[in-house]
């Protein structure tokens, strides 16, 4: 099997890795949804961050990566934004249909490009603004098409705000990654998140059921695997060729949502998601932002 995989060209490998990353992101969201019925968000995020730190620390020492950094203040700010994004993300996942949440999460590209233009002084093509506007129109259609879904608006707002914060993190990481490697960035995020939440966790502490602890362990593993395969996918091929396959996450989200949570697919979701996917792929294709970072 490994011998056969080695013979596959790098572009196909990149596509496979991105599809695997999409599957693991979907599985992570699934277990967040399952945990949220018994545990608070503080408990889920704290335990997840602690597990990730424990997993990453031996890797740091094994590969002899220097922990010392001159950019700790930036790592800390990135962690504060990241923890805020996780709270909003996990809250949205716990309340929204999985497929709908997954589609909204792709709105980050519509924030990343303007932020890269404003803060990184990157040049973007004029046509990009059209596709960004089109993408936001798709989101509006998703939110407003079905009358019966108006009670979900606050949760959609959390999901959209989370995508904005994630876009800010992407810009932050692009800046930090010029001096720090990916493993160190991930380690400091997990460590800082654990330290930031340890006091709030003590006030909400309860001994999780073995089942819930196992779910958090799995979502931590799936989150790390998703990040790993995303990086490997981008290493093996150009972002413009592999990132459109990131939208396979929507397929996984729909399958899981329909199979395990009895979710329904609305007309607004179908029309809105098609517009979001079209606009997102167009933005990737014209290479307005270097997604390899």
C-alpha atoms as a PDB file:
ATOM      1  CA  UNK A   1       0.000   0.000   0.000  1.00  0.00           C
ATOM      2  CA  UNK A   2       2.789   2.413   0.975  1.00  0.00           C
ATOM      3  CA  UNK A   3       4.764   1.423  -2.133  1.00  0.00           C
ATOM      4  CA  UNK A   4       1.718   2.164  -4.297  1.00  0.00           C
ATOM      5  CA  UNK A   5       1.189   5.512  -2.533  1.00  0.00           C
ATOM      6  CA  UNK A   6       4.796   6.530  -3.217  1.00  0.00           C
ATOM      7  CA  UNK A   7       4.197   6.071  -6.959  1.00  0.00           C
ATOM      8  CA  UNK A   8       1.285   8.539  -6.978  1.00  0.00           C
ATOM      9  CA  UNK A   9       2.252  11.976  -8.302  1.00  0.00           C
ATOM     10  CA  UNK A  10       2.471  14.846  -5.828  1.00  0.00           C
ATOM     11  CA  UNK A  11      -0.659  16.611  -7.117  1.00  0.00           C
ATOM     12  CA  UNK A  12      -2.868  13.553  -6.479  1.00  0.00           C
ATOM     13  CA  UNK A  13      -1.228  13.116  -3.068  1.00  0.00           C
ATOM     14  CA  UNK A  14      -2.040  16.741  -2.275  1.00  0.00           C
ATOM     15  CA  UNK A  15      -5.697  16.211  -3.194  1.00  0.00           C
ATOM     16  CA  UNK A  16      -5.887  13.034  -1.064  1.00  0.00           C
ATOM     17  CA  UNK A  17      -4.331  14.838   1.913  1.00  0.00           C
ATOM     18  CA  UNK A  18      -6.751  17.781   1.630  1.00  0.00           C
ATOM     19  CA  UNK A  19      -9.735  15.402   1.432  1.00  0.00           C
ATOM     20  CA  UNK A  20      -8.435  13.569   4.524  1.00  0.00           C
ATOM     21  CA  UNK A  21      -8.059  16.924   6.310  1.00  0.00           C
ATOM     22  CA  UNK A  22     -11.664  17.757   5.385  1.00  0.00           C
ATOM     23  CA  UNK A  23     -12.847  14.415   6.785  1.00  0.00           C
ATOM     24  CA  UNK A  24     -10.968  14.946  10.065  1.00  0.00           C
ATOM     25  CA  UNK A  25     -12.287  18.518  10.417  1.00  0.00           C
ATOM     26  CA  UNK A  26     -15.822  17.152   9.968  1.00  0.00           C
ATOM     27  CA  UNK A  27     -15.214  14.410  12.542  1.00  0.00           C
ATOM     28  CA  UNK A  28     -13.820  16.978  14.982  1.00  0.00           C
ATOM     29  CA  UNK A  29     -16.986  19.094  14.619  1.00  0.00           C
ATOM     30  CA  UNK A  30     -19.106  15.962  15.108  1.00  0.00           C
ATOM     31  CA  UNK A  31     -17.479  15.153  18.445  1.00  0.00           C
ATOM     32  CA  UNK A  32     -17.736  18.792  19.570  1.00  0.00           C
ATOM     33  CA  UNK A  33     -21.479  18.494  18.943  1.00  0.00           C
ATOM     34  CA  UNK A  34     -21.652  15.222  20.895  1.00  0.00           C
ATOM     35  CA  UNK A  35     -19.656  16.607  23.870  1.00  0.00           C
ATOM     36  CA  UNK A  36     -21.603  19.845  24.159  1.00  0.00           C
ATOM     37  CA  UNK A  37     -24.728  18.149  25.534  1.00  0.00           C
ATOM     38  CA  UNK A  38     -22.932  17.146  28.771  1.00  0.00           C
ATOM     39  CA  UNK A  39     -19.972  19.527  29.122  1.00  0.00           C
ATOM     40  CA  UNK A  40     -19.515  23.301  29.128  1.00  0.00           C
ATOM     41  CA  UNK A  41     -17.485  24.937  26.362  1.00  0.00           C
ATOM     42  CA  UNK A  42     -14.781  25.868  28.890  1.00  0.00           C
ATOM     43  CA  UNK A  43     -14.381  22.200  29.831  1.00  0.00           C
ATOM     44  CA  UNK A  44     -14.246  21.050  26.208  1.00  0.00           C
ATOM     45  CA  UNK A  45     -11.731  23.686  25.086  1.00  0.00           C
ATOM     46  CA  UNK A  46      -9.524  23.377  28.185  1.00  0.00           C
ATOM     47  CA  UNK A  47      -9.273  19.579  28.024  1.00  0.00           C
ATOM     48  CA  UNK A  48      -8.749  19.712  24.251  1.00  0.00           C
ATOM     49  CA  UNK A  49      -5.928  22.259  24.635  1.00  0.00           C
ATOM     50  CA  UNK A  50      -4.332  20.242  27.454  1.00  0.00           C
ATOM     51  CA  UNK A  51      -4.415  17.026  25.409  1.00  0.00           C
ATOM     52  CA  UNK A  52      -2.957  18.815  22.360  1.00  0.00           C
ATOM     53  CA  UNK A  53      -0.130  20.240  24.520  1.00  0.00           C
ATOM     54  CA  UNK A  54       0.659  16.788  25.934  1.00  0.00           C
ATOM     55  CA  UNK A  55       0.756  15.316  22.416  1.00  0.00           C
ATOM     56  CA  UNK A  56       2.857  18.131  20.916  1.00  0.00           C
ATOM     57  CA  UNK A  57       5.451  18.429  23.709  1.00  0.00           C
ATOM     58  CA  UNK A  58       7.179  15.061  23.015  1.00  0.00           C
ATOM     59  CA  UNK A  59       7.227  15.914  19.292  1.00  0.00           C
ATOM     60  CA  UNK A  60       8.939  19.224  20.080  1.00  0.00           C
ATOM     61  CA  UNK A  61      11.691  17.385  21.991  1.00  0.00           C
ATOM     62  CA  UNK A  62      11.917  14.478  19.520  1.00  0.00           C
ATOM     63  CA  UNK A  63      12.571  16.796  16.587  1.00  0.00           C
ATOM     64  CA  UNK A  64      14.746  19.090  18.743  1.00  0.00           C
ATOM     65  CA  UNK A  65      12.679  22.193  18.058  1.00  0.00           C
ATOM     66  CA  UNK A  66      13.781  25.124  20.215  1.00  0.00           C
ATOM     67  CA  UNK A  67      10.950  26.249  22.496  1.00  0.00           C
ATOM     68  CA  UNK A  68      12.552  29.601  23.274  1.00  0.00           C
ATOM     69  CA  UNK A  69      10.972  32.459  21.325  1.00  0.00           C
ATOM     70  CA  UNK A  70      11.369  36.205  20.996  1.00  0.00           C
ATOM     71  CA  UNK A  71       7.767  36.506  19.783  1.00  0.00           C
ATOM     72  CA  UNK A  72       5.904  35.353  22.893  1.00  0.00           C
ATOM     73  CA  UNK A  73       3.672  38.449  23.011  1.00  0.00           C
ATOM     74  CA  UNK A  74       2.513  37.677  19.462  1.00  0.00           C
ATOM     75  CA  UNK A  75       1.939  34.022  20.358  1.00  0.00           C
ATOM     76  CA  UNK A  76      -0.117  35.138  23.366  1.00  0.00           C
ATOM     77  CA  UNK A  77      -2.258  37.533  21.319  1.00  0.00           C
ATOM     78  CA  UNK A  78      -2.756  34.838  18.699  1.00  0.00           C
ATOM     79  CA  UNK A  79      -3.860  32.456  21.475  1.00  0.00           C
ATOM     80  CA  UNK A  80      -6.356  34.958  22.924  1.00  0.00           C
ATOM     81  CA  UNK A  81      -7.915  35.440  19.487  1.00  0.00           C
ATOM     82  CA  UNK A  82      -7.787  31.676  18.882  1.00  0.00           C
ATOM     83  CA  UNK A  83      -9.527  30.795  22.156  1.00  0.00           C
ATOM     84  CA  UNK A  84     -12.238  33.381  21.394  1.00  0.00           C
ATOM     85  CA  UNK A  85     -12.693  31.854  17.930  1.00  0.00           C
ATOM     86  CA  UNK A  86     -12.929  28.352  19.444  1.00  0.00           C
ATOM     87  CA  UNK A  87     -15.623  29.445  21.895  1.00  0.00           C
ATOM     88  CA  UNK A  88     -17.699  30.960  19.100  1.00  0.00           C
ATOM     89  CA  UNK A  89     -17.016  28.038  16.757  1.00  0.00           C
ATOM     90  CA  UNK A  90     -17.853  25.315  19.249  1.00  0.00           C
ATOM     91  CA  UNK A  91     -20.968  27.185  20.405  1.00  0.00           C
ATOM     92  CA  UNK A  92     -22.145  27.495  16.795  1.00  0.00           C
ATOM     93  CA  UNK A  93     -21.400  23.805  16.120  1.00  0.00           C
ATOM     94  CA  UNK A  94     -23.435  22.780  19.166  1.00  0.00           C
ATOM     95  CA  UNK A  95     -26.497  24.755  18.006  1.00  0.00           C
ATOM     96  CA  UNK A  96     -26.469  24.694  14.191  1.00  0.00           C
ATOM     97  CA  UNK A  97     -26.974  21.848  11.721  1.00  0.00           C
ATOM     98  CA  UNK A  98     -23.516  20.458  10.946  1.00  0.00           C
ATOM     99  CA  UNK A  99     -23.749  21.034   7.187  1.00  0.00           C
ATOM    100  CA  UNK A 100     -24.876  24.663   7.641  1.00  0.00           C
ATOM    101  CA  UNK A 101     -22.060  25.373  10.093  1.00  0.00           C
ATOM    102  CA  UNK A 102     -19.530  23.802   7.706  1.00  0.00           C
ATOM    103  CA  UNK A 103     -20.630  26.016   4.825  1.00  0.00           C
ATOM    104  CA  UNK A 104     -20.478  29.182   6.957  1.00  0.00           C
ATOM    105  CA  UNK A 105     -16.936  28.253   8.046  1.00  0.00           C
ATOM    106  CA  UNK A 106     -15.778  28.713   4.444  1.00  0.00           C
ATOM    107  CA  UNK A 107     -16.625  32.416   4.694  1.00  0.00           C
ATOM    108  CA  UNK A 108     -13.150  32.978   6.161  1.00  0.00           C
ATOM    109  CA  UNK A 109     -11.667  33.433   2.685  1.00  0.00           C
ATOM    110  CA  UNK A 110     -13.999  36.418   2.170  1.00  0.00           C
ATOM    111  CA  UNK A 111     -12.396  38.033   5.243  1.00  0.00           C
ATOM    112  CA  UNK A 112      -8.797  36.876   4.677  1.00  0.00           C
ATOM    113  CA  UNK A 113      -8.361  38.665   1.362  1.00  0.00           C
ATOM    114  CA  UNK A 114      -9.426  42.174   2.543  1.00  0.00           C
ATOM    115  CA  UNK A 115      -7.384  41.701   5.748  1.00  0.00           C
ATOM    116  CA  UNK A 116      -4.303  40.685   3.734  1.00  0.00           C
ATOM    117  CA  UNK A 117      -4.815  43.780   1.593  1.00  0.00           C
ATOM    118  CA  UNK A 118      -5.154  46.087   4.624  1.00  0.00           C
ATOM    119  CA  UNK A 119      -2.535  44.680   7.001  1.00  0.00           C
ATOM    120  CA  UNK A 120      -0.045  42.768   4.846  1.00  0.00           C
ATOM    121  CA  UNK A 121      -0.208  45.230   1.932  1.00  0.00           C
ATOM    122  CA  UNK A 122      -0.745  42.343  -0.485  1.00  0.00           C
ATOM    123  CA  UNK A 123      -1.932  43.155  -3.976  1.00  0.00           C
ATOM    124  CA  UNK A 124      -5.266  41.692  -4.970  1.00  0.00           C
ATOM    125  CA  UNK A 125      -7.106  41.788  -8.270  1.00  0.00           C
ATOM    126  CA  UNK A 126     -10.140  44.055  -8.646  1.00  0.00           C
ATOM    127  CA  UNK A 127     -12.348  41.115  -9.689  1.00  0.00           C
ATOM    128  CA  UNK A 128     -11.712  39.622  -6.235  1.00  0.00           C
ATOM    129  CA  UNK A 129     -13.983  42.230  -4.638  1.00  0.00           C
ATOM    130  CA  UNK A 130     -16.828  41.047  -6.875  1.00  0.00           C
ATOM    131  CA  UNK A 131     -16.422  37.436  -5.731  1.00  0.00           C
ATOM    132  CA  UNK A 132     -16.095  38.514  -2.086  1.00  0.00           C
ATOM    133  CA  UNK A 133     -19.396  40.424  -2.403  1.00  0.00           C
ATOM    134  CA  UNK A 134     -20.946  37.409  -4.136  1.00  0.00           C
ATOM    135  CA  UNK A 135     -19.790  35.162  -1.293  1.00  0.00           C
ATOM    136  CA  UNK A 136     -21.401  37.381   1.335  1.00  0.00           C
ATOM    137  CA  UNK A 137     -24.586  37.401  -0.767  1.00  0.00           C
ATOM    138  CA  UNK A 138     -24.556  33.595  -0.553  1.00  0.00           C
ATOM    139  CA  UNK A 139     -24.317  33.843   3.235  1.00  0.00           C
ATOM    140  CA  UNK A 140     -27.268  36.275   3.348  1.00  0.00           C
ATOM    141  CA  UNK A 141     -29.340  33.860   1.233  1.00  0.00           C
ATOM    142  CA  UNK A 142     -28.437  31.018   3.611  1.00  0.00           C
ATOM    143  CA  UNK A 143     -29.500  33.062   6.620  1.00  0.00           C
ATOM    144  CA  UNK A 144     -32.675  34.619   5.284  1.00  0.00           C
ATOM    145  CA  UNK A 145     -34.318  32.218   2.862  1.00  0.00           C
ATOM    146  CA  UNK A 146     -36.215  30.021   5.331  1.00  0.00           C
ATOM    147  CA  UNK A 147     -38.733  31.709   7.657  1.00  0.00           C
ATOM    148  CA  UNK A 148     -38.521  28.928  10.231  1.00  0.00           C
ATOM    149  CA  UNK A 149     -34.777  29.378  10.700  1.00  0.00           C
ATOM    150  CA  UNK A 150     -34.816  32.924  12.100  1.00  0.00           C
ATOM    151  CA  UNK A 151     -34.275  31.615  15.631  1.00  0.00           C
ATOM    152  CA  UNK A 152     -30.889  30.324  14.434  1.00  0.00           C
ATOM    153  CA  UNK A 153     -29.639  33.821  13.502  1.00  0.00           C
ATOM    154  CA  UNK A 154     -27.682  34.372  16.784  1.00  0.00           C
ATOM    155  CA  UNK A 155     -25.839  31.095  16.243  1.00  0.00           C
ATOM    156  CA  UNK A 156     -25.083  31.984  12.626  1.00  0.00           C
ATOM    157  CA  UNK A 157     -23.764  35.330  13.894  1.00  0.00           C
ATOM    158  CA  UNK A 158     -21.399  33.443  16.238  1.00  0.00           C
ATOM    159  CA  UNK A 159     -20.211  31.267  13.346  1.00  0.00           C
ATOM    160  CA  UNK A 160     -19.583  34.296  11.103  1.00  0.00           C
ATOM    161  CA  UNK A 161     -17.750  36.186  13.866  1.00  0.00           C
ATOM    162  CA  UNK A 162     -15.648  33.054  14.444  1.00  0.00           C
ATOM    163  CA  UNK A 163     -14.669  32.992  10.749  1.00  0.00           C
ATOM    164  CA  UNK A 164     -13.598  36.649  11.017  1.00  0.00           C
ATOM    165  CA  UNK A 165     -11.391  35.830  14.017  1.00  0.00           C
ATOM    166  CA  UNK A 166      -9.962  32.787  12.196  1.00  0.00           C
ATOM    167  CA  UNK A 167      -9.162  35.039   9.225  1.00  0.00           C
ATOM    168  CA  UNK A 168      -7.311  37.360  11.625  1.00  0.00           C
ATOM    169  CA  UNK A 169      -5.398  34.341  12.960  1.00  0.00           C
ATOM    170  CA  UNK A 170      -4.388  33.338   9.409  1.00  0.00           C
ATOM    171  CA  UNK A 171      -2.944  36.823   8.871  1.00  0.00           C
ATOM    172  CA  UNK A 172      -1.220  36.631  12.256  1.00  0.00           C
ATOM    173  CA  UNK A 173       0.273  33.201  11.494  1.00  0.00           C
ATOM    174  CA  UNK A 174       1.526  34.368   8.123  1.00  0.00           C
ATOM    175  CA  UNK A 175       3.450  37.089   9.939  1.00  0.00           C
ATOM    176  CA  UNK A 176       4.749  34.820  12.746  1.00  0.00           C
ATOM    177  CA  UNK A 177       5.632  31.911  10.419  1.00  0.00           C
ATOM    178  CA  UNK A 178       8.413  33.966   8.854  1.00  0.00           C
ATOM    179  CA  UNK A 179      10.414  33.347  12.059  1.00  0.00           C
ATOM    180  CA  UNK A 180       8.696  30.363  13.732  1.00  0.00           C
ATOM    181  CA  UNK A 181       7.950  26.859  12.434  1.00  0.00           C
ATOM    182  CA  UNK A 182       4.478  25.338  12.401  1.00  0.00           C
ATOM    183  CA  UNK A 183       5.024  22.919  15.309  1.00  0.00           C
ATOM    184  CA  UNK A 184       6.159  25.723  17.614  1.00  0.00           C
ATOM    185  CA  UNK A 185       3.187  27.903  16.634  1.00  0.00           C
ATOM    186  CA  UNK A 186       0.771  25.029  17.355  1.00  0.00           C
ATOM    187  CA  UNK A 187       2.496  24.199  20.659  1.00  0.00           C
ATOM    188  CA  UNK A 188       2.375  27.775  21.982  1.00  0.00           C
ATOM    189  CA  UNK A 189      -1.275  28.048  20.982  1.00  0.00           C
ATOM    190  CA  UNK A 190      -2.197  24.866  22.875  1.00  0.00           C
ATOM    191  CA  UNK A 191      -0.059  25.779  25.901  1.00  0.00           C
ATOM    192  CA  UNK A 192      -1.330  29.371  26.128  1.00  0.00           C
ATOM    193  CA  UNK A 193      -4.929  28.217  25.663  1.00  0.00           C
ATOM    194  CA  UNK A 194      -4.494  25.798  28.571  1.00  0.00           C
ATOM    195  CA  UNK A 195      -3.005  28.517  30.803  1.00  0.00           C
ATOM    196  CA  UNK A 196      -5.668  31.075  29.837  1.00  0.00           C
ATOM    197  CA  UNK A 197      -8.487  28.682  30.700  1.00  0.00           C
ATOM    198  CA  UNK A 198      -7.143  26.927  33.793  1.00  0.00           C
ATOM    199  CA  UNK A 199      -8.761  29.378  36.274  1.00  0.00           C
ATOM    200  CA  UNK A 200     -12.180  29.511  34.502  1.00  0.00           C
ATOM    201  CA  UNK A 201     -12.008  25.704  34.251  1.00  0.00           C
ATOM    202  CA  UNK A 202     -11.545  25.385  38.027  1.00  0.00           C
ATOM    203  CA  UNK A 203     -14.849  27.248  38.554  1.00  0.00           C
ATOM    204  CA  UNK A 204     -16.748  24.960  36.168  1.00  0.00           C
ATOM    205  CA  UNK A 205     -14.822  21.778  36.949  1.00  0.00           C
ATOM    206  CA  UNK A 206     -16.687  18.504  36.935  1.00  0.00           C
ATOM    207  CA  UNK A 207     -15.377  15.009  36.360  1.00  0.00           C
ATOM    208  CA  UNK A 208     -16.370  14.176  32.778  1.00  0.00           C
ATOM    209  CA  UNK A 209     -17.932  10.828  31.995  1.00  0.00           C
ATOM    210  CA  UNK A 210     -15.498   8.389  30.431  1.00  0.00           C
ATOM    211  CA  UNK A 211     -17.499   8.634  27.206  1.00  0.00           C
ATOM    212  CA  UNK A 212     -17.205  12.443  27.086  1.00  0.00           C
ATOM    213  CA  UNK A 213     -13.492  12.372  27.914  1.00  0.00           C
ATOM    214  CA  UNK A 214     -13.014   9.867  25.077  1.00  0.00           C
ATOM    215  CA  UNK A 215     -14.943  12.178  22.730  1.00  0.00           C
ATOM    216  CA  UNK A 216     -12.712  15.145  23.669  1.00  0.00           C
ATOM    217  CA  UNK A 217      -9.622  12.986  23.166  1.00  0.00           C
ATOM    218  CA  UNK A 218     -10.872  12.028  19.694  1.00  0.00           C
ATOM    219  CA  UNK A 219     -11.738  15.602  18.683  1.00  0.00           C
ATOM    220  CA  UNK A 220      -8.242  16.675  19.819  1.00  0.00           C
ATOM    221  CA  UNK A 221      -6.626  13.949  17.693  1.00  0.00           C
ATOM    222  CA  UNK A 222      -8.864  14.724  14.717  1.00  0.00           C
ATOM    223  CA  UNK A 223      -8.057  18.446  15.011  1.00  0.00           C
ATOM    224  CA  UNK A 224      -4.302  17.790  14.990  1.00  0.00           C
ATOM    225  CA  UNK A 225      -4.622  15.325  12.086  1.00  0.00           C
ATOM    226  CA  UNK A 226      -6.710  17.823  10.113  1.00  0.00           C
ATOM    227  CA  UNK A 227      -4.032  20.505  10.552  1.00  0.00           C
ATOM    228  CA  UNK A 228      -1.263  18.012   9.675  1.00  0.00           C
ATOM    229  CA  UNK A 229      -2.919  16.817   6.455  1.00  0.00           C
ATOM    230  CA  UNK A 230      -3.743  20.403   5.432  1.00  0.00           C
ATOM    231  CA  UNK A 231      -0.050  21.303   5.696  1.00  0.00           C
ATOM    232  CA  UNK A 232       1.005  18.099   3.875  1.00  0.00           C
ATOM    233  CA  UNK A 233      -1.552  18.720   1.135  1.00  0.00           C
ATOM    234  CA  UNK A 234      -0.211  22.216   0.531  1.00  0.00           C
ATOM    235  CA  UNK A 235       3.375  20.938   0.584  1.00  0.00           C
ATOM    236  CA  UNK A 236       2.686  18.377  -2.142  1.00  0.00           C
ATOM    237  CA  UNK A 237       0.900  20.648  -4.608  1.00  0.00           C
ATOM    238  CA  UNK A 238      -0.124  24.232  -5.310  1.00  0.00           C
ATOM    239  CA  UNK A 239      -2.967  25.623  -3.230  1.00  0.00           C
ATOM    240  CA  UNK A 240      -4.830  26.627  -6.379  1.00  0.00           C
ATOM    241  CA  UNK A 241      -5.023  22.945  -7.403  1.00  0.00           C
ATOM    242  CA  UNK A 242      -5.832  21.277  -4.085  1.00  0.00           C
ATOM    243  CA  UNK A 243      -7.796  23.788  -1.979  1.00  0.00           C
ATOM    244  CA  UNK A 244     -11.030  23.473  -4.023  1.00  0.00           C
ATOM    245  CA  UNK A 245     -11.156  19.901  -2.647  1.00  0.00           C
ATOM    246  CA  UNK A 246     -11.417  21.398   0.847  1.00  0.00           C
ATOM    247  CA  UNK A 247     -15.082  21.887  -0.040  1.00  0.00           C
ATOM    248  CA  UNK A 248     -15.479  18.099   0.293  1.00  0.00           C
ATOM    249  CA  UNK A 249     -15.976  19.014   3.966  1.00  0.00           C
ATOM    250  CA  UNK A 250     -19.509  20.099   3.018  1.00  0.00           C
ATOM    251  CA  UNK A 251     -20.223  16.601   1.654  1.00  0.00           C
ATOM    252  CA  UNK A 252     -18.878  14.980   4.833  1.00  0.00           C
ATOM    253  CA  UNK A 253     -20.875  17.452   6.952  1.00  0.00           C
ATOM    254  CA  UNK A 254     -24.098  16.672   5.072  1.00  0.00           C
ATOM    255  CA  UNK A 255     -23.578  12.893   5.311  1.00  0.00           C
ATOM    256  CA  UNK A 256     -22.832  13.017   9.051  1.00  0.00           C
ATOM    257  CA  UNK A 257     -25.643  15.506   9.744  1.00  0.00           C
ATOM    258  CA  UNK A 258     -28.238  13.459   7.861  1.00  0.00           C
ATOM    259  CA  UNK A 259     -27.036  10.093   9.194  1.00  0.00           C
ATOM    260  CA  UNK A 260     -26.439  10.826  12.881  1.00  0.00           C
ATOM    261  CA  UNK A 261     -28.298  14.042  13.761  1.00  0.00           C
ATOM    262  CA  UNK A 262     -31.397  13.743  11.518  1.00  0.00           C
ATOM    263  CA  UNK A 263     -30.696  17.187  10.054  1.00  0.00           C
ATOM    264  CA  UNK A 264     -32.664  18.593   7.139  1.00  0.00           C
ATOM    265  CA  UNK A 265     -31.293  20.418   4.112  1.00  0.00           C
ATOM    266  CA  UNK A 266     -33.206  23.623   3.317  1.00  0.00           C
ATOM    267  CA  UNK A 267     -33.504  25.445  -0.009  1.00  0.00           C
ATOM    268  CA  UNK A 268     -31.669  28.421   1.474  1.00  0.00           C
ATOM    269  CA  UNK A 269     -28.754  26.209   2.391  1.00  0.00           C
ATOM    270  CA  UNK A 270     -28.579  24.700  -1.115  1.00  0.00           C
ATOM    271  CA  UNK A 271     -28.730  28.028  -2.999  1.00  0.00           C
ATOM    272  CA  UNK A 272     -26.498  29.883  -0.558  1.00  0.00           C
ATOM    273  CA  UNK A 273     -23.888  27.128  -0.402  1.00  0.00           C
ATOM    274  CA  UNK A 274     -23.650  26.893  -4.197  1.00  0.00           C
ATOM    275  CA  UNK A 275     -22.931  30.635  -4.383  1.00  0.00           C
ATOM    276  CA  UNK A 276     -20.390  30.441  -1.522  1.00  0.00           C
ATOM    277  CA  UNK A 277     -18.608  27.468  -3.124  1.00  0.00           C
ATOM    278  CA  UNK A 278     -18.527  29.146  -6.549  1.00  0.00           C
ATOM    279  CA  UNK A 279     -17.186  32.434  -5.165  1.00  0.00           C
ATOM    280  CA  UNK A 280     -14.660  30.668  -2.924  1.00  0.00           C
ATOM    281  CA  UNK A 281     -13.243  28.498  -5.711  1.00  0.00           C
ATOM    282  CA  UNK A 282     -13.010  31.512  -8.022  1.00  0.00           C
ATOM    283  CA  UNK A 283     -11.015  33.407  -5.379  1.00  0.00           C
ATOM    284  CA  UNK A 284      -8.666  30.434  -4.975  1.00  0.00           C
ATOM    285  CA  UNK A 285      -8.285  30.058  -8.744  1.00  0.00           C
ATOM    286  CA  UNK A 286      -7.220  33.650  -9.329  1.00  0.00           C
ATOM    287  CA  UNK A 287      -4.626  33.310  -6.573  1.00  0.00           C
ATOM    288  CA  UNK A 288      -5.623  36.443  -4.723  1.00  0.00           C
ATOM    289  CA  UNK A 289      -4.118  35.160  -1.514  1.00  0.00           C
ATOM    290  CA  UNK A 290      -1.244  32.772  -0.916  1.00  0.00           C
ATOM    291  CA  UNK A 291      -3.004  29.949   0.931  1.00  0.00           C
ATOM    292  CA  UNK A 292       0.245  28.084   1.357  1.00  0.00           C
ATOM    293  CA  UNK A 293       0.926  30.300   4.358  1.00  0.00           C
END
